[in-house]
C-alpha cells in the first residue's frame, strides 16, 4: 500500500513522467485497478495528519504537506 500511495503522490509532482516507477505499464495498470483502495488510504492518512498537534515544520514536513494538498501557507502544522 505504501508503494501505491507513493505512486499516487508522484503523479502530483512536476516531471512525474520521468519516474521509472510510473513508466512500468504493469504498475500503472495495478494503480488504476487499485485506485479506490489508494484513495481510501489517502483519506485515512489525511485524517490522521489533521489530528496532529501543530509544531514547527521541517522541509520534509513541508514536502509531505504539499503532497497531501495541505495549506502551504500554514507553517505551524
N, C-alpha and C. Protein backbone atom coordinates (compact mmCIF):
# COMPACT_ATOMS: atom_id res chain seq x y z
N UNK A 1 0.83 -1.20 0.00
CA UNK A 1 0.00 0.00 0.00
C UNK A 1 0.87 1.26 0.00
N UNK A 2 2.00 1.21 0.72
CA UNK A 2 2.88 2.38 0.76
C UNK A 2 3.38 2.72 -0.63
N UNK A 3 3.75 1.72 -1.40
CA UNK A 3 4.20 1.96 -2.77
C UNK A 3 3.09 2.56 -3.61
N UNK A 4 1.88 2.10 -3.38
CA UNK A 4 0.74 2.65 -4.13
C UNK A 4 0.54 4.12 -3.80
N UNK A 5 0.64 4.46 -2.52
CA UNK A 5 0.50 5.86 -2.13
C UNK A 5 1.64 6.67 -2.72
N UNK A 6 2.87 6.14 -2.67
CA UNK A 6 4.00 6.82 -3.29
C UNK A 6 3.73 7.07 -4.76
N UNK A 7 3.24 6.05 -5.46
CA UNK A 7 2.97 6.20 -6.89
C UNK A 7 1.90 7.26 -7.13
N UNK A 8 0.88 7.27 -6.30
CA UNK A 8 -0.18 8.25 -6.48
C UNK A 8 0.34 9.66 -6.22
N UNK A 9 1.18 9.81 -5.21
CA UNK A 9 1.73 11.13 -4.90
C UNK A 9 2.67 11.61 -5.99
N UNK A 10 3.44 10.71 -6.56
CA UNK A 10 4.37 11.08 -7.62
C UNK A 10 3.62 11.74 -8.77
N UNK A 11 2.41 11.35 -9.02
CA UNK A 11 1.63 11.92 -10.12
C UNK A 11 1.42 13.41 -9.96
N UNK A 12 1.47 13.90 -8.74
CA UNK A 12 1.22 15.31 -8.48
C UNK A 12 2.46 16.18 -8.64
N UNK A 13 3.62 15.59 -8.71
CA UNK A 13 4.86 16.35 -8.80
C UNK A 13 5.20 16.69 -10.24
N UNK A 14 5.92 17.81 -10.43
CA UNK A 14 6.42 18.13 -11.75
C UNK A 14 7.37 17.02 -12.19
N UNK A 15 7.45 16.80 -13.48
CA UNK A 15 8.32 15.79 -14.07
C UNK A 15 7.98 14.38 -13.62
N UNK A 16 6.74 14.12 -13.22
CA UNK A 16 6.37 12.78 -12.79
C UNK A 16 6.53 11.77 -13.91
N UNK A 17 6.46 12.23 -15.15
CA UNK A 17 6.64 11.32 -16.28
C UNK A 17 8.04 10.71 -16.29
N UNK A 18 9.00 11.34 -15.61
CA UNK A 18 10.37 10.84 -15.56
C UNK A 18 10.53 9.70 -14.55
N UNK A 19 9.53 9.45 -13.74
CA UNK A 19 9.64 8.41 -12.73
C UNK A 19 9.70 7.03 -13.39
N UNK A 20 10.74 6.28 -13.08
CA UNK A 20 10.84 4.93 -13.61
C UNK A 20 9.68 4.06 -13.15
N UNK A 21 9.21 4.30 -11.95
CA UNK A 21 8.09 3.54 -11.41
C UNK A 21 6.86 3.66 -12.29
N UNK A 22 6.57 4.89 -12.72
CA UNK A 22 5.36 5.11 -13.49
C UNK A 22 5.51 4.79 -14.97
N UNK A 23 6.73 4.50 -15.40
CA UNK A 23 6.92 4.08 -16.79
C UNK A 23 6.48 2.64 -16.99
N UNK A 24 6.42 1.89 -15.92
CA UNK A 24 6.07 0.47 -15.99
C UNK A 24 4.56 0.34 -16.18
N UNK A 25 4.11 -0.20 -17.33
CA UNK A 25 2.67 -0.31 -17.58
C UNK A 25 1.96 -1.24 -16.59
N UNK A 26 2.68 -2.22 -16.07
CA UNK A 26 2.07 -3.12 -15.09
C UNK A 26 1.74 -2.38 -13.80
N UNK A 27 2.65 -1.53 -13.36
CA UNK A 27 2.41 -0.75 -12.14
C UNK A 27 1.28 0.24 -12.37
N UNK A 28 1.28 0.90 -13.52
CA UNK A 28 0.19 1.85 -13.81
C UNK A 28 -1.15 1.12 -13.84
N UNK A 29 -1.19 -0.07 -14.45
CA UNK A 29 -2.43 -0.84 -14.50
C UNK A 29 -2.88 -1.24 -13.10
N UNK A 30 -1.92 -1.70 -12.26
CA UNK A 30 -2.27 -2.06 -10.89
C UNK A 30 -2.79 -0.85 -10.13
N UNK A 31 -2.11 0.29 -10.31
CA UNK A 31 -2.54 1.52 -9.64
C UNK A 31 -3.96 1.88 -10.05
N UNK A 32 -4.23 1.80 -11.35
CA UNK A 32 -5.57 2.14 -11.82
C UNK A 32 -6.62 1.17 -11.29
N UNK A 33 -6.27 -0.10 -11.24
CA UNK A 33 -7.19 -1.12 -10.72
C UNK A 33 -7.42 -0.93 -9.22
N UNK A 34 -6.42 -0.45 -8.51
CA UNK A 34 -6.49 -0.31 -7.05
C UNK A 34 -6.79 1.12 -6.62
N UNK A 35 -7.21 1.95 -7.53
CA UNK A 35 -7.38 3.38 -7.25
C UNK A 35 -8.27 3.63 -6.03
N UNK A 36 -9.37 2.92 -5.88
CA UNK A 36 -10.26 3.16 -4.74
C UNK A 36 -9.57 2.86 -3.42
N UNK A 37 -8.82 1.77 -3.35
CA UNK A 37 -8.08 1.45 -2.13
C UNK A 37 -7.03 2.51 -1.83
N UNK A 38 -6.37 2.99 -2.87
CA UNK A 38 -5.36 4.04 -2.71
C UNK A 38 -6.02 5.31 -2.17
N UNK A 39 -7.13 5.70 -2.78
CA UNK A 39 -7.83 6.90 -2.34
C UNK A 39 -8.34 6.76 -0.91
N UNK A 40 -8.84 5.58 -0.56
CA UNK A 40 -9.30 5.34 0.82
C UNK A 40 -8.14 5.48 1.81
N UNK A 41 -6.99 4.93 1.46
CA UNK A 41 -5.82 5.03 2.34
C UNK A 41 -5.38 6.49 2.48
N UNK A 42 -5.42 7.25 1.40
CA UNK A 42 -5.06 8.66 1.47
C UNK A 42 -6.03 9.44 2.35
N UNK A 43 -7.31 9.12 2.28
CA UNK A 43 -8.30 9.79 3.13
C UNK A 43 -7.99 9.51 4.60
N UNK A 44 -7.70 8.24 4.92
CA UNK A 44 -7.36 7.89 6.31
C UNK A 44 -6.08 8.60 6.76
N UNK A 45 -5.08 8.63 5.88
CA UNK A 45 -3.82 9.29 6.23
C UNK A 45 -4.02 10.78 6.44
N UNK A 46 -4.79 11.42 5.57
CA UNK A 46 -5.07 12.86 5.74
C UNK A 46 -5.80 13.13 7.05
N UNK A 47 -6.72 12.24 7.42
CA UNK A 47 -7.46 12.40 8.67
C UNK A 47 -6.51 12.30 9.87
N UNK A 48 -5.57 11.37 9.81
CA UNK A 48 -4.59 11.24 10.89
C UNK A 48 -3.70 12.47 10.96
N UNK A 49 -3.27 12.98 9.82
CA UNK A 49 -2.44 14.18 9.79
C UNK A 49 -3.20 15.36 10.39
N UNK A 50 -4.48 15.47 10.09
CA UNK A 50 -5.29 16.58 10.59
C UNK A 50 -5.40 16.56 12.12
N UNK A 51 -5.26 15.39 12.72
CA UNK A 51 -5.36 15.26 14.18
C UNK A 51 -4.06 15.64 14.90
N UNK A 52 -2.97 15.74 14.17
CA UNK A 52 -1.68 16.03 14.80
C UNK A 52 -1.64 17.45 15.34
N UNK A 53 -0.97 17.61 16.47
CA UNK A 53 -0.83 18.94 17.07
C UNK A 53 0.14 19.79 16.25
N UNK A 54 -0.14 21.09 16.15
CA UNK A 54 0.77 21.97 15.42
C UNK A 54 2.14 22.04 16.09
N UNK A 55 3.17 22.06 15.29
CA UNK A 55 4.53 22.22 15.78
C UNK A 55 5.38 22.76 14.64
N UNK A 56 6.61 23.17 14.93
CA UNK A 56 7.45 23.71 13.86
C UNK A 56 7.56 22.73 12.69
N UNK A 57 7.66 23.28 11.50
CA UNK A 57 7.64 22.46 10.28
C UNK A 57 9.03 22.39 9.67
N UNK A 58 9.48 21.17 9.39
CA UNK A 58 10.76 20.98 8.72
C UNK A 58 10.53 20.97 7.20
N UNK A 59 11.61 20.99 6.45
CA UNK A 59 11.50 20.94 4.99
C UNK A 59 10.78 19.68 4.53
N UNK A 60 11.09 18.55 5.15
CA UNK A 60 10.44 17.29 4.76
C UNK A 60 8.95 17.35 5.06
N UNK A 61 8.58 17.96 6.18
CA UNK A 61 7.16 18.09 6.50
C UNK A 61 6.46 18.99 5.48
N UNK A 62 7.13 20.04 5.04
CA UNK A 62 6.54 20.91 4.02
C UNK A 62 6.28 20.12 2.74
N UNK A 63 7.24 19.27 2.36
CA UNK A 63 7.06 18.45 1.15
C UNK A 63 5.86 17.51 1.31
N UNK A 64 5.75 16.89 2.48
CA UNK A 64 4.62 15.99 2.72
C UNK A 64 3.29 16.75 2.69
N UNK A 65 3.27 17.94 3.29
CA UNK A 65 2.04 18.73 3.29
C UNK A 65 1.65 19.10 1.86
N UNK A 66 2.62 19.48 1.05
CA UNK A 66 2.31 19.80 -0.36
C UNK A 66 1.78 18.56 -1.07
N UNK A 67 2.36 17.41 -0.77
CA UNK A 67 1.94 16.16 -1.39
C UNK A 67 0.49 15.81 -1.04
N UNK A 68 0.07 16.20 0.17
CA UNK A 68 -1.29 15.91 0.61
C UNK A 68 -2.21 17.11 0.47
N UNK A 69 -1.80 18.07 -0.34
CA UNK A 69 -2.61 19.26 -0.62
C UNK A 69 -2.98 20.03 0.63
N UNK A 70 -2.12 20.02 1.65
CA UNK A 70 -2.38 20.79 2.86
C UNK A 70 -2.08 22.26 2.58
N UNK A 71 -2.54 23.11 3.45
CA UNK A 71 -2.34 24.55 3.30
C UNK A 71 -0.87 24.88 3.42
N UNK A 72 -0.24 25.29 2.31
CA UNK A 72 1.19 25.59 2.31
C UNK A 72 1.51 26.84 3.10
N UNK A 73 0.57 27.73 3.28
CA UNK A 73 0.82 28.97 4.00
C UNK A 73 0.90 28.79 5.50
N UNK A 74 0.43 27.67 6.01
CA UNK A 74 0.42 27.43 7.45
C UNK A 74 1.67 26.64 7.83
N UNK A 75 2.66 27.31 8.42
CA UNK A 75 3.91 26.67 8.80
C UNK A 75 3.87 26.07 10.20
N UNK A 76 2.73 26.09 10.86
CA UNK A 76 2.64 25.55 12.22
C UNK A 76 2.36 24.07 12.23
N UNK A 77 1.74 23.54 11.19
CA UNK A 77 1.35 22.13 11.22
C UNK A 77 1.86 21.40 10.02
